[in-house]
N, C-alpha and C. Protein backbone atom coordinates (compact mmCIF):
# COMPACT_ATOMS: atom_id res chain seq x y z
N MET A 1 65.40 78.10 110.00
CA MET A 1 65.48 77.80 111.42
C MET A 1 66.54 78.67 112.09
N VAL A 2 67.67 78.87 111.42
CA VAL A 2 68.77 79.64 112.00
C VAL A 2 68.33 81.06 112.30
N SER A 3 67.62 81.70 111.36
CA SER A 3 67.20 83.08 111.59
C SER A 3 66.12 83.17 112.66
N ARG A 4 65.23 82.19 112.73
CA ARG A 4 64.19 82.21 113.77
C ARG A 4 64.79 82.08 115.16
N LEU A 5 65.92 81.43 115.28
CA LEU A 5 66.56 81.26 116.58
C LEU A 5 67.49 82.43 116.92
N GLY A 6 67.65 83.35 116.00
CA GLY A 6 68.55 84.47 116.23
C GLY A 6 70.01 84.10 116.07
N LEU A 7 70.29 83.03 115.38
CA LEU A 7 71.66 82.56 115.20
C LEU A 7 72.29 83.07 113.91
N GLY A 8 71.51 83.78 113.11
CA GLY A 8 72.00 84.27 111.83
C GLY A 8 73.20 85.19 111.98
N SER A 9 73.17 86.08 112.97
CA SER A 9 74.30 87.00 113.15
C SER A 9 75.56 86.25 113.57
N ALA A 10 75.41 85.21 114.38
CA ALA A 10 76.57 84.41 114.77
C ALA A 10 77.14 83.69 113.55
N LEU A 11 76.26 83.18 112.72
CA LEU A 11 76.70 82.48 111.52
C LEU A 11 77.38 83.46 110.55
N ASP A 12 76.78 84.62 110.37
CA ASP A 12 77.38 85.64 109.49
C ASP A 12 78.75 86.06 109.98
N ALA A 13 78.87 86.28 111.29
CA ALA A 13 80.16 86.69 111.86
C ALA A 13 81.21 85.59 111.69
N ALA A 14 80.80 84.36 111.87
CA ALA A 14 81.74 83.24 111.74
C ALA A 14 82.20 83.07 110.30
N VAL A 15 81.28 83.21 109.36
CA VAL A 15 81.65 83.08 107.95
C VAL A 15 82.60 84.21 107.56
N ARG A 16 82.32 85.43 108.02
CA ARG A 16 83.22 86.56 107.75
C ARG A 16 84.57 86.31 108.42
N GLY A 17 84.57 85.77 109.62
CA GLY A 17 85.81 85.47 110.32
C GLY A 17 86.66 84.46 109.58
N VAL A 18 86.02 83.45 109.00
CA VAL A 18 86.76 82.46 108.21
C VAL A 18 87.41 83.14 107.01
N SER A 19 86.66 84.03 106.38
CA SER A 19 87.19 84.76 105.22
C SER A 19 88.39 85.63 105.61
N LEU A 20 88.26 86.34 106.73
CA LEU A 20 89.37 87.18 107.20
C LEU A 20 90.59 86.35 107.57
N ALA A 21 90.36 85.20 108.19
CA ALA A 21 91.48 84.33 108.56
C ALA A 21 92.18 83.81 107.31
N HIS A 22 91.39 83.52 106.28
CA HIS A 22 91.97 83.06 105.01
C HIS A 22 92.84 84.17 104.41
N GLU A 23 92.34 85.40 104.42
CA GLU A 23 93.12 86.53 103.90
C GLU A 23 94.41 86.73 104.70
N LYS A 24 94.31 86.60 106.03
CA LYS A 24 95.49 86.76 106.88
C LYS A 24 96.51 85.66 106.59
N ALA A 25 96.04 84.45 106.39
CA ALA A 25 96.95 83.34 106.08
C ALA A 25 97.64 83.57 104.74
N ALA A 26 96.90 84.06 103.76
CA ALA A 26 97.50 84.33 102.45
C ALA A 26 98.56 85.42 102.56
N SER A 27 98.26 86.45 103.32
CA SER A 27 99.22 87.54 103.52
C SER A 27 100.46 87.05 104.26
N ALA A 28 100.25 86.22 105.29
CA ALA A 28 101.38 85.67 106.05
C ALA A 28 102.24 84.77 105.17
N ALA A 29 101.61 83.97 104.33
CA ALA A 29 102.37 83.10 103.43
C ALA A 29 103.20 83.93 102.46
N ASP A 30 102.63 85.03 101.98
CA ASP A 30 103.36 85.92 101.08
C ASP A 30 104.56 86.53 101.80
N THR A 31 104.36 86.95 103.05
CA THR A 31 105.44 87.52 103.85
C THR A 31 106.56 86.51 104.04
N ILE A 32 106.20 85.28 104.36
CA ILE A 32 107.20 84.23 104.56
C ILE A 32 107.96 83.97 103.27
N ALA A 33 107.25 83.94 102.15
CA ALA A 33 107.89 83.67 100.86
C ALA A 33 108.87 84.78 100.47
N ARG A 34 108.54 86.01 100.84
CA ARG A 34 109.40 87.14 100.46
C ARG A 34 110.52 87.41 101.47
N ALA A 35 110.44 86.82 102.64
CA ALA A 35 111.44 87.09 103.69
C ALA A 35 112.82 86.66 103.25
N GLY A 36 113.76 87.53 103.43
CA GLY A 36 115.14 87.22 103.11
C GLY A 36 115.48 87.31 101.64
N VAL A 37 114.52 87.62 100.81
CA VAL A 37 114.77 87.75 99.38
C VAL A 37 115.15 89.18 99.08
N VAL A 38 116.35 89.36 98.63
CA VAL A 38 116.83 90.69 98.26
C VAL A 38 116.97 90.71 96.76
N THR A 39 116.26 91.61 96.14
CA THR A 39 116.38 91.73 94.70
C THR A 39 117.37 92.82 94.38
N GLY A 40 118.04 92.67 93.32
CA GLY A 40 119.01 93.68 92.92
C GLY A 40 120.36 93.04 92.68
N PRO A 41 121.33 93.86 92.34
CA PRO A 41 122.66 93.34 92.02
C PRO A 41 123.35 92.75 93.26
N ASP A 42 124.11 91.69 93.03
CA ASP A 42 124.87 91.05 94.10
C ASP A 42 126.26 91.67 94.11
N THR A 43 126.37 92.78 94.82
CA THR A 43 127.65 93.49 94.87
C THR A 43 128.04 93.75 96.31
N ALA A 44 129.24 94.23 96.50
CA ALA A 44 129.71 94.55 97.84
C ALA A 44 129.19 95.90 98.31
N SER A 45 128.73 96.72 97.40
CA SER A 45 128.17 98.01 97.80
C SER A 45 126.76 97.78 98.38
N ILE A 46 126.31 98.71 99.17
CA ILE A 46 124.99 98.58 99.79
C ILE A 46 123.94 99.12 98.84
N SER A 47 123.08 98.24 98.41
CA SER A 47 122.00 98.64 97.50
C SER A 47 120.85 99.23 98.31
N ALA A 48 119.92 99.82 97.62
CA ALA A 48 118.73 100.36 98.28
C ALA A 48 117.96 99.25 98.99
N GLU A 49 117.93 98.07 98.37
CA GLU A 49 117.23 96.94 98.98
C GLU A 49 117.90 96.50 100.29
N ALA A 50 119.24 96.46 100.26
CA ALA A 50 119.97 96.07 101.47
C ALA A 50 119.79 97.12 102.56
N ALA A 51 119.79 98.39 102.17
CA ALA A 51 119.58 99.46 103.15
C ALA A 51 118.17 99.35 103.73
N ARG A 52 117.19 99.02 102.89
CA ARG A 52 115.82 98.85 103.37
C ARG A 52 115.74 97.65 104.31
N ALA A 53 116.45 96.58 103.99
CA ALA A 53 116.46 95.41 104.85
C ALA A 53 117.08 95.74 106.20
N ALA A 54 118.15 96.51 106.17
CA ALA A 54 118.82 96.91 107.42
C ALA A 54 117.93 97.82 108.25
N ALA A 55 117.08 98.59 107.58
CA ALA A 55 116.17 99.49 108.28
C ALA A 55 114.95 98.77 108.82
N GLY A 56 114.79 97.51 108.46
CA GLY A 56 113.66 96.74 108.96
C GLY A 56 112.42 96.80 108.09
N ASP A 57 112.52 97.27 106.86
CA ASP A 57 111.37 97.36 105.98
C ASP A 57 111.11 96.08 105.20
N GLU A 58 111.99 95.12 105.30
CA GLU A 58 111.82 93.86 104.58
C GLU A 58 110.84 92.96 105.33
N PRO A 59 110.22 92.06 104.61
CA PRO A 59 109.30 91.12 105.27
C PRO A 59 110.02 90.32 106.36
N ASP A 60 109.35 90.10 107.46
CA ASP A 60 109.90 89.40 108.61
C ASP A 60 109.34 87.98 108.64
N MET A 61 110.20 86.99 108.46
CA MET A 61 109.74 85.60 108.42
C MET A 61 109.10 85.18 109.74
N VAL A 62 109.69 85.58 110.85
CA VAL A 62 109.14 85.19 112.16
C VAL A 62 107.73 85.75 112.32
N GLN A 63 107.56 87.03 111.98
CA GLN A 63 106.23 87.64 112.09
C GLN A 63 105.25 86.97 111.14
N GLY A 64 105.71 86.64 109.95
CA GLY A 64 104.86 85.93 109.00
C GLY A 64 104.41 84.59 109.53
N MET A 65 105.32 83.86 110.18
CA MET A 65 104.96 82.55 110.74
C MET A 65 103.99 82.70 111.91
N LEU A 66 104.19 83.74 112.72
CA LEU A 66 103.25 83.99 113.81
C LEU A 66 101.87 84.35 113.27
N ASP A 67 101.84 85.20 112.25
CA ASP A 67 100.57 85.58 111.64
C ASP A 67 99.86 84.35 111.05
N LEU A 68 100.62 83.46 110.46
CA LEU A 68 100.05 82.25 109.89
C LEU A 68 99.43 81.38 110.99
N ARG A 69 100.12 81.28 112.11
CA ARG A 69 99.59 80.49 113.24
C ARG A 69 98.31 81.13 113.79
N VAL A 70 98.32 82.46 113.94
CA VAL A 70 97.13 83.16 114.43
C VAL A 70 95.97 82.95 113.47
N ALA A 71 96.22 83.04 112.17
CA ALA A 71 95.16 82.83 111.18
C ALA A 71 94.59 81.42 111.30
N ARG A 72 95.44 80.47 111.56
CA ARG A 72 94.99 79.08 111.71
C ARG A 72 94.02 78.95 112.89
N TYR A 73 94.38 79.57 114.03
CA TYR A 73 93.51 79.51 115.20
C TYR A 73 92.22 80.30 114.99
N GLN A 74 92.31 81.44 114.29
CA GLN A 74 91.10 82.21 113.98
C GLN A 74 90.15 81.39 113.13
N GLN A 75 90.70 80.72 112.14
CA GLN A 75 89.86 79.92 111.26
C GLN A 75 89.24 78.76 112.03
N SER A 76 90.01 78.10 112.88
CA SER A 76 89.47 76.99 113.67
C SER A 76 88.35 77.46 114.59
N ALA A 77 88.53 78.60 115.22
CA ALA A 77 87.51 79.13 116.13
C ALA A 77 86.23 79.48 115.37
N ASN A 78 86.37 80.10 114.24
CA ASN A 78 85.19 80.47 113.46
C ASN A 78 84.47 79.24 112.90
N LEU A 79 85.22 78.23 112.50
CA LEU A 79 84.59 77.00 112.04
C LEU A 79 83.85 76.30 113.19
N ALA A 80 84.38 76.41 114.40
CA ALA A 80 83.69 75.84 115.56
C ALA A 80 82.37 76.57 115.82
N VAL A 81 82.35 77.88 115.62
CA VAL A 81 81.10 78.63 115.77
C VAL A 81 80.08 78.16 114.75
N ILE A 82 80.52 77.99 113.50
CA ILE A 82 79.60 77.52 112.46
C ILE A 82 79.05 76.14 112.83
N ASP A 83 79.90 75.27 113.32
CA ASP A 83 79.47 73.94 113.74
C ASP A 83 78.46 74.03 114.89
N THR A 84 78.71 74.90 115.85
CA THR A 84 77.81 75.07 116.99
C THR A 84 76.45 75.61 116.54
N VAL A 85 76.45 76.58 115.63
CA VAL A 85 75.18 77.11 115.10
C VAL A 85 74.40 75.98 114.42
N HIS A 86 75.10 75.17 113.66
CA HIS A 86 74.45 74.05 112.98
C HIS A 86 73.85 73.07 113.99
N GLU A 87 74.63 72.74 115.01
CA GLU A 87 74.13 71.82 116.04
C GLU A 87 72.93 72.40 116.78
N MET A 88 72.99 73.68 117.09
CA MET A 88 71.88 74.31 117.83
C MET A 88 70.61 74.34 116.98
N SER A 89 70.74 74.65 115.71
CA SER A 89 69.55 74.69 114.86
C SER A 89 68.98 73.29 114.65
N ARG A 90 69.85 72.31 114.53
CA ARG A 90 69.40 70.92 114.38
C ARG A 90 68.68 70.46 115.66
N GLU A 91 69.22 70.80 116.81
CA GLU A 91 68.59 70.42 118.08
C GLU A 91 67.27 71.15 118.28
N ALA A 92 67.22 72.41 117.90
CA ALA A 92 65.96 73.17 118.01
C ALA A 92 64.89 72.57 117.11
N ALA A 93 65.29 72.13 115.92
CA ALA A 93 64.33 71.50 115.00
C ALA A 93 63.83 70.18 115.58
N ARG A 94 64.72 69.44 116.23
CA ARG A 94 64.33 68.17 116.84
C ARG A 94 63.35 68.41 117.99
N ILE A 95 63.63 69.43 118.81
CA ILE A 95 62.75 69.75 119.94
C ILE A 95 61.39 70.21 119.44
N GLY A 96 61.40 70.96 118.34
CA GLY A 96 60.15 71.50 117.79
C GLY A 96 59.27 70.47 117.11
N GLU A 97 59.75 69.28 116.94
CA GLU A 97 58.95 68.24 116.25
C GLU A 97 57.81 67.74 117.08
């Protein structure tokens, strides 16, 4: 029924969107987990890791949290599309009876 109504592409896009949002959330969670973690010796000298952190190459917790929030909204929106496709196909089947 979904393909006959032309809703297949919407469903495919929504399923892919859910997958992408999941990947983004996993990446954001990894960024948050690594934020502020400096590996290496705990000395008063500046290590390569500390220099990299000062240069801004270290994971950013704020950006990770924003990315996680965006992924959450992307996933919610794509799940709503899937729900709408389901409702439309169910209603079309009811009308066609």
